[in-house]
């Protein structure tokens, strides 16, 4: 069973966020590795919203990045964080 999604930071429209949450929930339900989850989400976001997408998945990470305006979100499912953003 997948934990409930908690949106920590949202800089994308609701439709895009809903799709991100859908694909993240789908990947987490299959209990893939973090690498596979990131690849799965990236593949689906790229197919729907062209551009260069980056996805980081894990329990302990930090970073500094620049993203395309209104194209980033930071989510948690239980203790698993997902950072997803599009660059120019």
N, C-alpha and C. Protein backbone atom coordinates (compact mmCIF):
# COMPACT_ATOMS: atom_id res chain seq x y z
N UNK A 1 0.84 -1.19 0.00
CA UNK A 1 0.00 0.00 0.00
C UNK A 1 0.88 1.24 0.00
N UNK A 2 0.59 2.18 -0.86
CA UNK A 2 1.37 3.40 -0.99
C UNK A 2 0.89 4.44 0.02
N UNK A 3 1.85 5.15 0.61
CA UNK A 3 1.52 6.21 1.55
C UNK A 3 0.84 7.37 0.83
N UNK A 4 0.16 8.19 1.59
CA UNK A 4 -0.50 9.38 1.04
C UNK A 4 0.54 10.39 0.59
N UNK A 5 0.25 11.08 -0.49
CA UNK A 5 1.16 12.09 -1.02
C UNK A 5 1.02 13.39 -0.23
N UNK A 6 2.16 13.93 0.17
CA UNK A 6 2.22 15.25 0.81
C UNK A 6 3.04 16.14 -0.10
N UNK A 7 2.44 17.21 -0.59
CA UNK A 7 3.14 18.15 -1.47
C UNK A 7 3.86 19.17 -0.59
N UNK A 8 5.20 19.14 -0.62
CA UNK A 8 5.99 20.07 0.19
C UNK A 8 6.17 21.40 -0.52
N UNK A 9 6.35 21.35 -1.83
CA UNK A 9 6.56 22.56 -2.63
C UNK A 9 5.96 22.30 -4.00
N UNK A 10 5.19 23.25 -4.50
CA UNK A 10 4.56 23.09 -5.80
C UNK A 10 4.77 24.34 -6.63
N UNK A 11 5.41 24.16 -7.76
CA UNK A 11 5.57 25.25 -8.73
C UNK A 11 5.22 24.72 -10.11
N UNK A 12 4.02 24.20 -10.22
CA UNK A 12 3.49 23.72 -11.50
C UNK A 12 1.97 23.75 -11.41
N UNK A 13 1.32 23.73 -12.57
CA UNK A 13 -0.14 23.81 -12.53
C UNK A 13 -0.74 22.50 -12.01
N UNK A 14 -1.99 22.57 -11.64
CA UNK A 14 -2.65 21.43 -11.00
C UNK A 14 -2.69 20.19 -11.88
N UNK A 15 -2.95 20.35 -13.16
CA UNK A 15 -3.01 19.19 -14.06
C UNK A 15 -1.67 18.48 -14.13
N UNK A 16 -0.59 19.26 -14.21
CA UNK A 16 0.75 18.69 -14.26
C UNK A 16 1.08 17.99 -12.94
N UNK A 17 0.74 18.62 -11.82
CA UNK A 17 0.98 18.02 -10.51
C UNK A 17 0.17 16.74 -10.35
N UNK A 18 -1.08 16.76 -10.77
CA UNK A 18 -1.92 15.56 -10.67
C UNK A 18 -1.31 14.40 -11.46
N UNK A 19 -0.77 14.70 -12.64
CA UNK A 19 -0.14 13.64 -13.43
C UNK A 19 1.12 13.12 -12.75
N UNK A 20 1.92 14.03 -12.20
CA UNK A 20 3.12 13.62 -11.48
C UNK A 20 2.76 12.71 -10.31
N UNK A 21 1.78 13.09 -9.52
CA UNK A 21 1.35 12.29 -8.37
C UNK A 21 0.83 10.93 -8.84
N UNK A 22 0.08 10.91 -9.93
CA UNK A 22 -0.45 9.65 -10.48
C UNK A 22 0.69 8.70 -10.83
N UNK A 23 1.69 9.19 -11.58
CA UNK A 23 2.80 8.32 -12.00
C UNK A 23 3.67 7.92 -10.81
N UNK A 24 3.87 8.82 -9.87
CA UNK A 24 4.66 8.48 -8.68
C UNK A 24 3.95 7.40 -7.86
N UNK A 25 2.66 7.55 -7.68
CA UNK A 25 1.87 6.57 -6.93
C UNK A 25 1.92 5.21 -7.62
N UNK A 26 1.79 5.22 -8.93
CA UNK A 26 1.85 4.00 -9.73
C UNK A 26 3.20 3.30 -9.55
N UNK A 27 4.28 4.05 -9.65
CA UNK A 27 5.63 3.47 -9.52
C UNK A 27 5.88 2.95 -8.11
N UNK A 28 5.47 3.69 -7.11
CA UNK A 28 5.69 3.27 -5.73
C UNK A 28 4.87 2.03 -5.38
N UNK A 29 3.72 1.86 -5.99
CA UNK A 29 2.87 0.70 -5.72
C UNK A 29 3.51 -0.60 -6.18
N UNK A 30 4.36 -0.51 -7.20
CA UNK A 30 5.03 -1.70 -7.74
C UNK A 30 6.30 -2.02 -6.96
N UNK A 31 6.68 -1.16 -6.04
CA UNK A 31 7.87 -1.33 -5.21
C UNK A 31 9.13 -1.46 -6.05
N UNK A 32 9.32 -0.54 -6.97
CA UNK A 32 10.53 -0.46 -7.78
C UNK A 32 11.66 0.13 -6.95
N UNK A 33 12.89 0.02 -7.46
CA UNK A 33 14.02 0.70 -6.82
C UNK A 33 13.86 2.20 -7.03
N UNK A 34 14.56 3.00 -6.24
CA UNK A 34 14.48 4.45 -6.41
C UNK A 34 14.91 4.87 -7.81
N UNK A 35 15.92 4.23 -8.34
CA UNK A 35 16.39 4.55 -9.69
C UNK A 35 15.29 4.27 -10.72
N UNK A 36 14.64 3.13 -10.58
CA UNK A 36 13.56 2.77 -11.51
C UNK A 36 12.36 3.70 -11.37
N UNK A 37 12.05 4.10 -10.14
CA UNK A 37 10.95 5.04 -9.92
C UNK A 37 11.25 6.36 -10.62
N UNK A 38 12.47 6.87 -10.43
CA UNK A 38 12.87 8.13 -11.07
C UNK A 38 12.78 8.03 -12.59
N UNK A 39 13.28 6.94 -13.15
CA UNK A 39 13.24 6.75 -14.61
C UNK A 39 11.80 6.66 -15.12
N UNK A 40 10.96 5.95 -14.39
CA UNK A 40 9.55 5.79 -14.76
C UNK A 40 8.84 7.15 -14.80
N UNK A 41 9.02 7.93 -13.74
CA UNK A 41 8.38 9.25 -13.68
C UNK A 41 8.91 10.15 -14.79
N UNK A 42 10.23 10.16 -14.96
CA UNK A 42 10.85 11.00 -16.00
C UNK A 42 10.30 10.66 -17.38
N UNK A 43 10.21 9.36 -17.68
CA UNK A 43 9.71 8.91 -18.98
C UNK A 43 8.29 9.43 -19.23
N UNK A 44 7.44 9.32 -18.24
CA UNK A 44 6.04 9.74 -18.41
C UNK A 44 5.89 11.26 -18.46
N UNK A 45 6.66 11.98 -17.66
CA UNK A 45 6.58 13.44 -17.69
C UNK A 45 7.11 13.98 -19.02
N UNK A 46 8.17 13.38 -19.53
CA UNK A 46 8.73 13.80 -20.82
C UNK A 46 7.74 13.53 -21.95
N UNK A 47 7.05 12.39 -21.89
CA UNK A 47 6.07 12.05 -22.92
C UNK A 47 4.90 13.04 -22.94
N UNK A 48 4.51 13.51 -21.78
CA UNK A 48 3.35 14.41 -21.68
C UNK A 48 3.70 15.88 -21.83
N UNK A 49 4.89 16.25 -21.37
CA UNK A 49 5.23 17.68 -21.28
C UNK A 49 6.60 18.00 -21.87
N UNK A 50 7.01 17.38 -22.91
CA UNK A 50 8.30 17.64 -23.57
C UNK A 50 9.30 18.41 -22.71
N UNK A 51 10.49 18.54 -23.21
CA UNK A 51 11.54 19.23 -22.46
C UNK A 51 12.41 18.25 -21.70
N UNK A 52 13.33 18.80 -20.94
CA UNK A 52 14.27 17.98 -20.18
C UNK A 52 13.81 17.92 -18.72
N UNK A 53 13.37 16.75 -18.28
CA UNK A 53 12.90 16.54 -16.92
C UNK A 53 13.96 15.84 -16.09
N UNK A 54 14.02 16.20 -14.82
CA UNK A 54 14.94 15.58 -13.87
C UNK A 54 14.10 15.10 -12.69
N UNK A 55 14.40 13.91 -12.20
CA UNK A 55 13.66 13.34 -11.08
C UNK A 55 14.65 12.74 -10.09
N UNK A 56 14.52 13.13 -8.83
CA UNK A 56 15.35 12.61 -7.75
C UNK A 56 14.41 11.93 -6.77
N UNK A 57 14.74 10.69 -6.39
CA UNK A 57 13.90 9.93 -5.48
C UNK A 57 14.78 9.36 -4.37
N UNK A 58 14.33 9.47 -3.13
CA UNK A 58 15.08 8.88 -2.03
C UNK A 58 14.58 9.33 -0.68
N UNK A 59 15.31 8.89 0.33
CA UNK A 59 14.95 9.24 1.71
C UNK A 59 15.84 10.31 2.29
N UNK A 60 16.97 10.57 1.66
CA UNK A 60 17.89 11.55 2.21
C UNK A 60 18.69 12.17 1.07
N UNK A 61 18.30 13.34 0.64
CA UNK A 61 19.05 14.05 -0.40
C UNK A 61 18.84 15.54 -0.25
N UNK A 62 19.74 16.28 -0.81
CA UNK A 62 19.60 17.74 -0.84
C UNK A 62 20.22 18.23 -2.14
N UNK A 63 19.96 19.45 -2.49
CA UNK A 63 20.52 19.95 -3.73
C UNK A 63 20.17 21.41 -3.96
N UNK A 64 20.77 21.92 -5.00
CA UNK A 64 20.51 23.28 -5.46
C UNK A 64 20.37 23.19 -6.97
N UNK A 65 19.30 23.73 -7.50
CA UNK A 65 19.06 23.59 -8.93
C UNK A 65 18.27 24.77 -9.46
N UNK A 66 18.31 24.93 -10.76
CA UNK A 66 17.52 25.94 -11.45
C UNK A 66 16.53 25.21 -12.34
N UNK A 67 15.28 25.64 -12.30
CA UNK A 67 14.26 24.96 -13.11
C UNK A 67 13.50 25.98 -13.94
N UNK A 68 12.87 25.47 -14.97
CA UNK A 68 12.01 26.30 -15.80
C UNK A 68 10.84 26.79 -14.93
N UNK A 69 10.46 28.04 -15.12
CA UNK A 69 9.40 28.62 -14.30
C UNK A 69 8.13 27.78 -14.33
N UNK A 70 7.55 27.56 -13.17
CA UNK A 70 6.30 26.80 -13.01
C UNK A 70 6.41 25.35 -13.48
N UNK A 71 7.57 24.74 -13.23
CA UNK A 71 7.79 23.35 -13.65
C UNK A 71 8.59 22.58 -12.62
N UNK A 72 8.17 22.63 -11.36
CA UNK A 72 8.87 21.89 -10.32
C UNK A 72 7.91 21.52 -9.19
N UNK A 73 8.18 20.38 -8.57
CA UNK A 73 7.40 19.96 -7.40
C UNK A 73 8.26 19.06 -6.53
N UNK A 74 8.00 19.14 -5.23
CA UNK A 74 8.70 18.33 -4.24
C UNK A 74 7.63 17.64 -3.40
N UNK A 75 7.61 16.32 -3.45
CA UNK A 75 6.57 15.51 -2.83
C UNK A 75 7.16 14.53 -1.84
N UNK A 76 6.33 14.09 -0.92
CA UNK A 76 6.69 12.99 -0.03
C UNK A 76 5.58 11.96 -0.03
N UNK A 77 5.98 10.70 -0.06
CA UNK A 77 5.09 9.57 0.14
C UNK A 77 5.69 8.83 1.33
N UNK A 78 5.12 9.00 2.50
CA UNK A 78 5.75 8.44 3.70
C UNK A 78 7.10 9.09 3.90
N UNK A 79 8.17 8.30 3.93
CA UNK A 79 9.52 8.83 4.11
C UNK A 79 10.26 8.99 2.78
N UNK A 80 9.62 8.69 1.68
CA UNK A 80 10.26 8.77 0.37
C UNK A 80 9.96 10.11 -0.28
N UNK A 81 11.01 10.87 -0.56
CA UNK A 81 10.87 12.16 -1.22
C UNK A 81 11.03 12.03 -2.72
N UNK A 82 10.30 12.85 -3.46
CA UNK A 82 10.41 12.91 -4.92
C UNK A 82 10.50 14.37 -5.33
N UNK A 83 11.60 14.70 -5.98
CA UNK A 83 11.81 16.04 -6.52
C UNK A 83 11.76 15.90 -8.04
N UNK A 84 10.88 16.65 -8.67
CA UNK A 84 10.71 16.57 -10.12
C UNK A 84 10.69 17.98 -10.68
N UNK A 85 11.54 18.23 -11.69
CA UNK A 85 11.57 19.56 -12.28
C UNK A 85 12.02 19.49 -13.74
N UNK A 86 11.63 20.51 -14.49
CA UNK A 86 11.99 20.61 -15.91
C UNK A 86 12.94 21.78 -16.09
N UNK A 87 13.97 21.55 -16.91
CA UNK A 87 14.91 22.62 -17.23
C UNK A 87 14.72 23.05 -18.68
N UNK A 88 15.29 24.17 -19.00
CA UNK A 88 15.15 24.74 -20.34
C UNK A 88 16.00 23.95 -21.32
